[in-house]
Amino acid sequence: MTALAEAPLTVVPPQRKRKIPGWALGMIGVAGAIALLSTTSYLTGVPQLTSTGTIQTAVRLALPILLAGLGGLWAERAGVVNIGLEGMMIMGTWGAAWAGYQWGPWAALIAAAVFGALGGLLHAIATVTFGVNHIVSGVAINLLGAGLTKYLSTLLFFPISHNPRESPAVPKFDTYSAGGLSDWLGSLEADQRVGISDVAGILRGLVTGVSPLTMLAVVFVVGSYLVLWRTRFGLRLRSCGENPTAAESLGVNVYLYKYAAVVMSGALAGVGGAALVLNPGNPGYLEGQTNGRGFIGLAAMIFGNWRPGGLLGGAALFGYADGLQLRSGGKTFLALIYGAVLLLAVLVVWQLVRRRWFAAATGIVAAGLLYGVYYSVDEVPSELTAYAPHLVTLVVLAVASQRLRMPAADGVVYRRG
């Protein structure tokens, strides 16, 4: 007994559950989305859900949302809320049309970034230097962007296009396709095999008619992740959004990093505006063509939990909803409602396994209501499909709001010392 009492006690540390890496969760999410769309397409007989044309349109429409969301990511990681993304996009559209008409698409991108960066600089001066409320400053930037571009369009575009709300036609980028691979995927898609043709249609949409701007957007996403999470500069910038006082005590120039982040935010939003002007479906600058995409980009950033990978998924979702209503119309959206019923059924089973009875009951009620809509109408009215991206934004934010964690000092007015 004495020997046992004197024996040292060894404490076994509790085993921590291994978390699934973020990239793996993303791949699982992509595979699940493709499986859901494939199943829905087969059960409803609507191949447009995964067709090449729908995916191509979705990619083009997701680009401005993605770039605007990246702009919001840079600003908010430094602690500055950028509600002014919409205004900076509007300024980017005008700058892209003005330079692109004269010198081509690459000049359009540069001018759009400069005009957007000027909007970001103005937002930084107001919020960082003078301590103006971030929301108030952002709303002012939105109003300024709309008013300034309207004045400049009347002054410079009207003598050429004879329309103060439209620019002359702007040259577009050439597009590129993966020749043999695209043809092979096209033959698989035409066979209409369950699952295989759906995957082929999605992949063909991603490798056919690719613009240099699409490639540049992918570089921006990867580059933003590497800079913000894998460099000393990024660590210091993110510290300004988490605890600027502690960052200052360690020698970080908080004002400088906030300025750099907000100016970069405006430049990315401006390039997002250029993506609208350089879209093959648009002749050039059109008044009101952003149509709230700056706010949708902000929603995509929030959905992505202030990280580039999640933002990419959110932009793809909103771009797909927008592209679907442009390409296919009400019947395809009705099929998408059926897909939402299938998704809710899977979630209900998952909640039952976890014994979350209230969540399961709520899911059952929601699935029943959606199936009632699907059963009772022949197609979704065009008045609703036109606002599909905005409706999807509201639903996604409502669902994702429970797992979000914004930077701790996001939106807090900082004063040195």
Protein backbone atom coordinates (compact mmCIF):
# COMPACT_ATOMS: atom_id res chain seq x y z
CA MET A 1 0.00 0.00 0.00
CA THR A 2 2.84 2.38 0.87
CA ALA A 3 4.60 1.69 -2.42
CA LEU A 4 1.42 2.45 -4.29
CA ALA A 5 0.95 5.68 -2.38
CA GLU A 6 4.47 6.84 -3.12
CA ALA A 7 4.31 5.98 -6.84
CA PRO A 8 4.21 9.08 -9.01
CA LEU A 9 0.93 9.78 -10.73
CA THR A 10 1.08 10.14 -14.50
CA VAL A 11 -1.49 12.42 -16.05
CA VAL A 12 -2.56 11.35 -19.50
CA PRO A 13 -3.43 14.43 -21.54
CA PRO A 14 -6.81 14.25 -23.26
CA GLN A 15 -6.59 13.32 -26.90
CA ARG A 16 -7.58 16.14 -29.17
CA LYS A 17 -9.76 15.34 -32.11
CA ARG A 18 -7.98 15.89 -35.39
CA LYS A 19 -9.69 18.61 -37.35
CA ILE A 20 -10.31 18.19 -41.04
CA PRO A 21 -8.13 20.68 -42.98
CA GLY A 22 -9.94 23.61 -44.55
CA TRP A 23 -8.98 22.58 -48.08
CA ALA A 24 -10.41 19.10 -47.47
CA LEU A 25 -13.69 20.57 -46.20
CA GLY A 26 -13.81 22.73 -49.30
CA MET A 27 -13.33 19.73 -51.59
CA ILE A 28 -16.03 17.81 -49.72
CA GLY A 29 -18.37 20.79 -50.12
CA VAL A 30 -17.68 21.01 -53.86
CA ALA A 31 -18.27 17.26 -54.30
CA GLY A 32 -21.51 17.50 -52.33
CA ALA A 33 -22.74 20.45 -54.41
CA ILE A 34 -22.01 18.62 -57.67
CA ALA A 35 -23.78 15.49 -56.40
CA LEU A 36 -26.82 17.56 -55.36
CA LEU A 37 -27.03 19.35 -58.72
CA SER A 38 -26.55 16.09 -60.62
CA THR A 39 -29.30 14.35 -58.65
CA THR A 40 -31.65 17.30 -59.06
CA SER A 41 -30.95 17.51 -62.80
CA TYR A 42 -31.72 13.79 -63.20
CA LEU A 43 -34.91 13.77 -61.10
CA THR A 44 -36.37 16.93 -62.64
CA GLY A 45 -35.14 16.44 -66.22
CA VAL A 46 -33.50 19.91 -66.34
CA PRO A 47 -29.95 19.57 -67.73
CA GLN A 48 -29.42 23.36 -67.67
CA LEU A 49 -28.47 23.11 -64.00
CA THR A 50 -25.05 21.76 -64.95
CA SER A 51 -24.71 22.81 -68.59
CA THR A 52 -21.56 24.39 -69.99
CA GLY A 53 -23.34 27.64 -70.84
CA THR A 54 -24.72 28.05 -67.33
CA ILE A 55 -21.31 27.49 -65.73
CA GLN A 56 -19.59 29.92 -68.14
CA THR A 57 -22.15 32.60 -67.35
CA ALA A 58 -21.84 31.89 -63.63
CA VAL A 59 -18.05 32.30 -63.75
CA ARG A 60 -18.31 35.65 -65.53
CA LEU A 61 -20.90 36.93 -63.07
CA ALA A 62 -19.01 35.61 -60.04
CA LEU A 63 -15.85 37.54 -60.93
CA PRO A 64 -17.01 41.03 -59.83
CA ILE A 65 -18.52 39.58 -56.65
CA LEU A 66 -15.30 37.71 -55.87
CA LEU A 67 -13.08 40.73 -56.45
CA ALA A 68 -15.32 43.04 -54.42
CA GLY A 69 -15.36 40.47 -51.61
CA LEU A 70 -11.56 40.26 -51.69
CA GLY A 71 -11.48 44.03 -51.32
CA GLY A 72 -13.71 43.79 -48.27
CA LEU A 73 -11.51 41.02 -46.87
CA TRP A 74 -8.37 43.16 -47.00
CA ALA A 75 -10.03 46.13 -45.32
CA GLU A 76 -11.83 44.21 -42.59
CA ARG A 77 -8.82 42.09 -41.71
CA ALA A 78 -7.15 45.41 -40.87
CA GLY A 79 -10.15 46.49 -38.79
CA VAL A 80 -11.89 48.83 -41.27
CA VAL A 81 -15.46 48.05 -42.35
CA ASN A 82 -15.78 48.90 -46.05
CA ILE A 83 -19.43 49.44 -46.87
CA GLY A 84 -18.18 51.66 -49.70
CA LEU A 85 -17.27 48.72 -51.95
CA GLU A 86 -20.26 49.47 -54.17
CA GLY A 87 -19.12 53.05 -54.77
CA MET A 88 -15.55 51.93 -55.44
CA MET A 89 -16.85 49.38 -57.96
CA ILE A 90 -18.86 52.12 -59.68
CA MET A 91 -15.74 54.27 -59.93
CA GLY A 92 -13.88 51.27 -61.32
CA THR A 93 -16.49 50.71 -64.02
CA TRP A 94 -16.16 54.29 -65.23
CA GLY A 95 -12.35 54.21 -65.12
CA ALA A 96 -12.28 50.91 -67.03
CA ALA A 97 -14.59 52.24 -69.74
CA TRP A 98 -12.70 55.52 -70.10
CA ALA A 99 -9.25 53.89 -70.42
CA GLY A 100 -10.40 50.73 -72.17
CA TYR A 101 -12.11 52.65 -74.98
CA GLN A 102 -8.85 54.44 -75.75
CA TRP A 103 -6.08 51.93 -74.98
CA GLY A 104 -7.60 48.45 -74.63
CA PRO A 105 -8.57 45.99 -71.88
CA TRP A 106 -5.28 45.96 -69.97
CA ALA A 107 -5.40 49.75 -69.64
CA ALA A 108 -9.00 49.33 -68.47
CA LEU A 109 -7.86 47.08 -65.62
CA ILE A 110 -5.13 49.50 -64.52
CA ALA A 111 -7.44 52.53 -64.64
CA ALA A 112 -10.15 50.67 -62.75
CA ALA A 113 -7.69 49.74 -60.00
CA VAL A 114 -6.50 53.37 -59.77
CA PHE A 115 -10.03 54.80 -59.57
CA GLY A 116 -11.05 52.21 -56.99
CA ALA A 117 -7.88 52.85 -54.99
CA LEU A 118 -8.71 56.58 -54.92
CA GLY A 119 -12.07 55.71 -53.39
CA GLY A 120 -10.28 53.48 -50.87
CA LEU A 121 -7.84 56.27 -50.04
CA LEU A 122 -10.71 58.65 -49.37
CA HIS A 123 -12.34 56.06 -47.10
CA ALA A 124 -9.03 55.57 -45.26
CA ILE A 125 -8.57 59.32 -44.73
CA ALA A 126 -12.07 59.60 -43.28
CA THR A 127 -11.97 56.51 -41.04
CA VAL A 128 -8.31 56.10 -40.06
CA THR A 129 -7.13 59.71 -39.86
CA PHE A 130 -10.29 61.57 -38.84
CA GLY A 131 -12.07 58.75 -37.01
CA VAL A 132 -15.34 59.00 -38.97
CA ASN A 133 -17.77 56.14 -38.34
CA HIS A 134 -16.96 53.41 -40.88
CA ILE A 135 -20.58 52.89 -41.96
CA VAL A 136 -21.19 56.62 -42.46
CA SER A 137 -18.02 56.99 -44.51
CA GLY A 138 -18.88 53.94 -46.63
CA VAL A 139 -22.36 55.22 -47.42
CA ALA A 140 -20.86 58.57 -48.39
CA ILE A 141 -18.40 56.81 -50.73
CA ASN A 142 -21.30 54.99 -52.39
CA LEU A 143 -23.19 58.24 -52.99
CA LEU A 144 -20.04 60.00 -54.17
CA GLY A 145 -19.15 57.20 -56.59
CA ALA A 146 -22.60 57.23 -58.20
CA GLY A 147 -22.73 61.02 -58.47
CA LEU A 148 -19.15 61.48 -59.69
CA THR A 149 -19.41 58.87 -62.45
CA LYS A 150 -22.73 60.32 -63.60
CA TYR A 151 -21.13 63.74 -63.95
CA LEU A 152 -18.03 62.37 -65.72
CA SER A 153 -20.16 60.28 -68.09
CA THR A 154 -22.17 63.33 -69.10
CA LEU A 155 -18.98 65.31 -69.58
CA LEU A 156 -16.86 62.77 -71.51
CA PHE A 157 -19.03 59.92 -72.83
CA PHE A 158 -22.05 61.89 -74.05
CA PRO A 159 -20.22 63.62 -76.95
CA ILE A 160 -19.14 60.18 -78.25
CA SER A 161 -21.98 57.78 -77.43
CA HIS A 162 -24.76 60.45 -77.40
CA ASN A 163 -26.00 58.82 -74.21
CA PRO A 164 -24.94 60.20 -70.80
CA ARG A 165 -25.64 56.82 -69.17
CA GLU A 166 -23.52 54.69 -71.50
CA SER A 167 -19.94 54.65 -72.74
CA PRO A 168 -18.81 53.78 -76.26
CA ALA A 169 -18.02 50.10 -76.84
CA VAL A 170 -14.95 48.86 -74.95
CA PRO A 171 -12.61 46.20 -76.46
CA LYS A 172 -12.69 42.87 -74.61
CA PHE A 173 -10.06 40.28 -73.75
CA ASP A 174 -9.54 37.30 -76.02
CA THR A 175 -10.67 34.05 -74.44
CA TYR A 176 -8.89 30.70 -74.33
CA SER A 177 -10.05 27.08 -74.22
CA ALA A 178 -8.39 23.77 -73.47
CA GLY A 179 -8.93 22.52 -77.05
CA GLY A 180 -8.90 18.70 -76.99
CA LEU A 181 -10.05 18.46 -73.36
CA SER A 182 -12.96 20.81 -74.04
CA ASP A 183 -14.10 18.74 -77.04
CA TRP A 184 -13.88 15.49 -75.08
CA LEU A 185 -15.87 16.93 -72.18
CA GLY A 186 -18.42 18.25 -74.68
CA SER A 187 -18.97 14.75 -76.09
CA LEU A 188 -19.43 13.36 -72.57
CA GLU A 189 -21.93 16.10 -71.76
CA ALA A 190 -23.90 15.37 -74.93
CA ASP A 191 -24.26 11.69 -73.96
CA GLN A 192 -26.50 12.73 -71.03
CA ARG A 193 -25.22 10.06 -68.67
CA VAL A 194 -26.29 10.46 -65.07
CA GLY A 195 -23.53 12.09 -63.03
CA ILE A 196 -20.82 11.81 -65.69
CA SER A 197 -22.43 14.30 -68.07
CA ASP A 198 -23.12 16.72 -65.21
CA VAL A 199 -19.49 16.69 -64.09
CA ALA A 200 -18.35 17.02 -67.71
CA GLY A 201 -20.61 20.04 -68.24
CA ILE A 202 -19.30 21.77 -65.12
CA LEU A 203 -15.65 21.10 -65.98
CA ARG A 204 -16.15 22.16 -69.60
CA GLY A 205 -17.68 25.42 -68.44
CA LEU A 206 -14.55 26.05 -66.36
CA VAL A 207 -12.01 25.37 -69.14
CA THR A 208 -13.83 26.82 -72.16
CA GLY A 209 -13.78 30.50 -73.08
CA VAL A 210 -11.58 31.48 -70.14
CA SER A 211 -10.66 35.17 -69.94
CA PRO A 212 -7.29 36.44 -68.65
CA LEU A 213 -9.31 38.31 -66.03
CA THR A 214 -10.56 34.97 -64.66
CA MET A 215 -6.98 33.73 -64.35
CA LEU A 216 -6.01 37.01 -62.68
CA ALA A 217 -8.84 36.65 -60.16
CA VAL A 218 -7.58 33.19 -59.18
CA VAL A 219 -4.10 34.68 -58.71
CA PHE A 220 -5.60 37.38 -56.49
CA VAL A 221 -7.34 34.79 -54.29
CA VAL A 222 -4.23 32.65 -53.86
CA GLY A 223 -2.02 35.73 -53.46
CA SER A 224 -4.31 37.23 -50.81
CA TYR A 225 -4.13 34.02 -48.80
CA LEU A 226 -0.34 33.81 -49.06
CA VAL A 227 0.23 37.47 -48.24
CA LEU A 228 -2.24 37.73 -45.36
CA TRP A 229 -1.57 34.34 -43.73
CA ARG A 230 1.97 33.40 -44.72
CA THR A 231 3.99 36.64 -44.48
CA ARG A 232 5.15 38.97 -41.74
CA PHE A 233 3.33 41.84 -43.46
CA GLY A 234 0.06 39.88 -43.39
CA LEU A 235 0.47 38.95 -39.73
CA ARG A 236 0.97 42.59 -38.78
CA LEU A 237 -1.97 43.69 -40.93
CA ARG A 238 -4.29 41.12 -39.34
CA SER A 239 -3.07 42.13 -35.86
CA CYS A 240 -4.39 45.63 -36.60
CA GLY A 241 -7.84 44.12 -37.02
CA GLU A 242 -7.64 41.97 -33.89
CA ASN A 243 -5.93 44.20 -31.32
CA PRO A 244 -4.44 47.42 -32.72
CA THR A 245 -3.30 48.63 -29.30
CA ALA A 246 -1.23 45.49 -28.72
CA ALA A 247 0.11 45.72 -32.29
CA GLU A 248 1.21 49.30 -31.68
CA SER A 249 2.96 48.29 -28.45
CA LEU A 250 5.03 45.85 -30.52
CA GLY A 251 6.14 48.54 -32.96
CA VAL A 252 3.57 48.07 -35.72
CA ASN A 253 2.58 51.28 -37.51
CA VAL A 254 -1.17 50.64 -37.29
CA TYR A 255 -2.18 53.69 -39.34
CA LEU A 256 0.14 52.72 -42.20
CA TYR A 257 -1.16 49.14 -42.34
CA LYS A 258 -4.78 50.28 -42.23
CA TYR A 259 -4.12 52.72 -45.07
CA ALA A 260 -2.42 50.03 -47.14
CA ALA A 261 -5.29 47.57 -46.57
CA VAL A 262 -8.09 50.02 -47.42
CA VAL A 263 -6.33 51.33 -50.54
CA MET A 264 -5.78 47.72 -51.67
CA SER A 265 -9.43 47.06 -50.89
CA GLY A 266 -10.51 49.89 -53.17
CA ALA A 267 -8.19 48.72 -55.96
CA LEU A 268 -9.65 45.20 -55.88
CA ALA A 269 -13.20 46.56 -55.86
CA GLY A 270 -12.29 48.76 -58.85
CA VAL A 271 -11.00 45.71 -60.75
CA GLY A 272 -14.32 44.05 -59.89
CA GLY A 273 -16.02 46.96 -61.66
CA ALA A 274 -13.73 46.40 -64.66
CA ALA A 275 -14.92 42.78 -64.76
CA LEU A 276 -18.43 44.09 -65.45
CA VAL A 277 -17.27 46.43 -68.21
CA LEU A 278 -15.09 43.75 -69.83
CA ASN A 279 -17.83 41.11 -69.66
CA PRO A 280 -18.60 40.03 -73.28
CA GLY A 281 -22.29 40.53 -72.57
CA ASN A 282 -21.85 44.27 -71.88
CA PRO A 283 -20.82 46.87 -74.48
CA GLY A 284 -19.04 48.97 -71.85
CA TYR A 285 -19.99 51.24 -68.97
CA LEU A 286 -23.71 51.41 -68.14
CA GLU A 287 -25.16 53.51 -65.36
CA GLY A 288 -26.29 51.28 -62.49
CA GLN A 289 -24.61 48.15 -63.89
CA THR A 290 -23.09 47.16 -60.52
CA ASN A 291 -26.65 46.51 -59.28
CA GLY A 292 -25.64 45.97 -55.65
CA ARG A 293 -22.79 43.57 -56.41
CA GLY A 294 -20.54 45.42 -53.98
CA PHE A 295 -22.94 44.53 -51.18
CA ILE A 296 -23.24 40.95 -52.44
CA GLY A 297 -19.42 40.75 -52.43
CA LEU A 298 -19.49 41.89 -48.81
CA ALA A 299 -22.04 39.16 -48.08
CA ALA A 300 -19.82 36.57 -49.83
CA MET A 301 -16.92 37.65 -47.62
CA ILE A 302 -19.04 37.25 -44.47
CA PHE A 303 -20.29 33.86 -45.69
CA GLY A 304 -16.65 32.84 -46.17
CA ASN A 305 -15.87 33.80 -42.55
CA TRP A 306 -13.38 36.47 -43.61
CA ARG A 307 -11.13 33.96 -45.40
CA PRO A 308 -10.26 33.74 -49.14
CA GLY A 309 -11.32 30.10 -49.62
CA GLY A 310 -14.76 30.60 -48.09
CA LEU A 311 -15.15 33.83 -50.03
CA LEU A 312 -14.47 31.94 -53.27
CA GLY A 313 -17.28 29.51 -52.42
CA GLY A 314 -19.69 32.33 -51.58
CA ALA A 315 -18.92 34.20 -54.81
CA ALA A 316 -19.42 30.99 -56.80
CA LEU A 317 -22.80 30.44 -55.14
CA PHE A 318 -24.07 33.96 -55.82
CA GLY A 319 -22.64 34.00 -59.35
CA TYR A 320 -24.33 30.66 -60.08
CA ALA A 321 -27.69 31.99 -58.88
CA ASP A 322 -27.27 35.09 -61.06
CA GLY A 323 -26.15 33.10 -64.09
CA LEU A 324 -28.98 30.60 -63.74
CA GLN A 325 -31.67 33.27 -63.90
CA LEU A 326 -30.04 34.87 -66.95
CA ARG A 327 -29.55 31.63 -68.87
CA SER A 328 -32.54 29.49 -67.99
CA GLY A 329 -35.46 31.28 -66.38
CA GLY A 330 -38.33 30.12 -64.17
CA LYS A 331 -38.46 26.37 -64.89
CA THR A 332 -34.82 25.87 -63.99
CA PHE A 333 -35.29 27.80 -60.76
CA LEU A 334 -38.21 25.54 -59.94
CA ALA A 335 -35.84 22.59 -60.31
CA LEU A 336 -33.43 24.37 -57.99
CA ILE A 337 -36.21 24.57 -55.38
CA TYR A 338 -36.53 20.79 -55.67
CA GLY A 339 -32.79 20.56 -55.06
CA ALA A 340 -33.23 22.69 -51.93
CA VAL A 341 -35.82 20.18 -50.70
CA LEU A 342 -33.32 17.34 -51.19
CA LEU A 343 -30.65 19.30 -49.32
CA LEU A 344 -33.03 19.98 -46.44
CA ALA A 345 -33.90 16.28 -46.29
CA VAL A 346 -30.21 15.42 -45.86
CA LEU A 347 -29.82 18.09 -43.18
CA VAL A 348 -32.89 16.82 -41.33
CA VAL A 349 -31.44 13.29 -41.22
CA TRP A 350 -28.16 14.73 -39.92
CA GLN A 351 -29.96 16.67 -37.17
CA LEU A 352 -31.92 13.55 -36.19
CA VAL A 353 -28.68 11.60 -35.86
CA ARG A 354 -27.35 14.36 -33.59
CA ARG A 355 -30.66 14.38 -31.65
CA ARG A 356 -31.37 18.00 -32.31
CA TRP A 357 -35.11 17.66 -32.47
CA PHE A 358 -36.04 21.32 -32.85
CA ALA A 359 -33.65 21.87 -35.76
CA ALA A 360 -34.92 18.69 -37.42
CA ALA A 361 -38.55 19.77 -37.01
CA THR A 362 -37.75 23.20 -38.46
CA GLY A 363 -36.07 21.56 -41.44
CA ILE A 364 -39.07 19.30 -42.03
CA VAL A 365 -41.43 22.27 -42.04
CA ALA A 366 -39.20 24.25 -44.42
CA ALA A 367 -38.84 21.26 -46.77
CA GLY A 368 -42.61 20.77 -46.76
CA LEU A 369 -43.24 24.41 -47.64
CA LEU A 370 -40.70 24.37 -50.47
CA TYR A 371 -42.08 21.13 -51.87
CA GLY A 372 -45.54 22.68 -51.76
CA VAL A 373 -44.26 25.56 -53.90
CA TYR A 374 -42.58 23.12 -56.30
CA TYR A 375 -45.74 21.01 -56.64
CA SER A 376 -48.18 23.88 -57.06
CA VAL A 377 -46.55 26.06 -59.75
CA ASP A 378 -45.21 25.35 -63.23
CA GLU A 379 -42.34 27.86 -63.06
CA VAL A 380 -41.02 30.59 -60.80
CA PRO A 381 -42.26 34.06 -61.88
CA SER A 382 -39.68 36.21 -63.62
CA GLU A 383 -40.25 38.96 -61.04
CA LEU A 384 -38.69 36.65 -58.43
CA THR A 385 -35.92 35.13 -60.53
CA ALA A 386 -34.56 38.61 -61.28
CA TYR A 387 -33.83 39.00 -57.57
CA ALA A 388 -32.49 35.49 -57.08
CA PRO A 389 -28.93 36.55 -56.11
CA HIS A 390 -30.29 38.90 -53.46
CA LEU A 391 -32.65 36.27 -52.05
CA VAL A 392 -29.84 33.70 -51.97
CA THR A 393 -27.68 36.26 -50.16
CA LEU A 394 -30.27 36.70 -47.41
CA VAL A 395 -30.83 32.95 -46.97
CA VAL A 396 -27.12 32.11 -46.91
CA LEU A 397 -26.30 34.82 -44.38
CA ALA A 398 -29.17 33.69 -42.16
CA VAL A 399 -27.92 30.09 -42.23
CA ALA A 400 -24.22 30.91 -41.84
CA SER A 401 -24.58 33.55 -39.12
CA GLN A 402 -24.11 31.05 -36.28
CA ARG A 403 -20.54 30.06 -37.20
CA LEU A 404 -19.01 33.43 -38.05
CA ARG A 405 -16.16 35.16 -36.25
CA MET A 406 -15.26 38.59 -37.50
CA PRO A 407 -11.95 40.29 -36.58
CA ALA A 408 -12.20 41.43 -32.97
CA ALA A 409 -11.52 45.13 -33.67
CA ASP A 410 -13.42 45.29 -36.97
CA GLY A 411 -15.20 48.65 -37.22
CA VAL A 412 -13.62 50.05 -34.05
CA VAL A 413 -12.29 53.61 -34.43
CA TYR A 414 -8.62 53.46 -33.41
CA ARG A 415 -6.64 56.27 -31.84
CA ARG A 416 -2.88 55.99 -31.34
CA GLY A 417 -1.77 55.80 -27.70
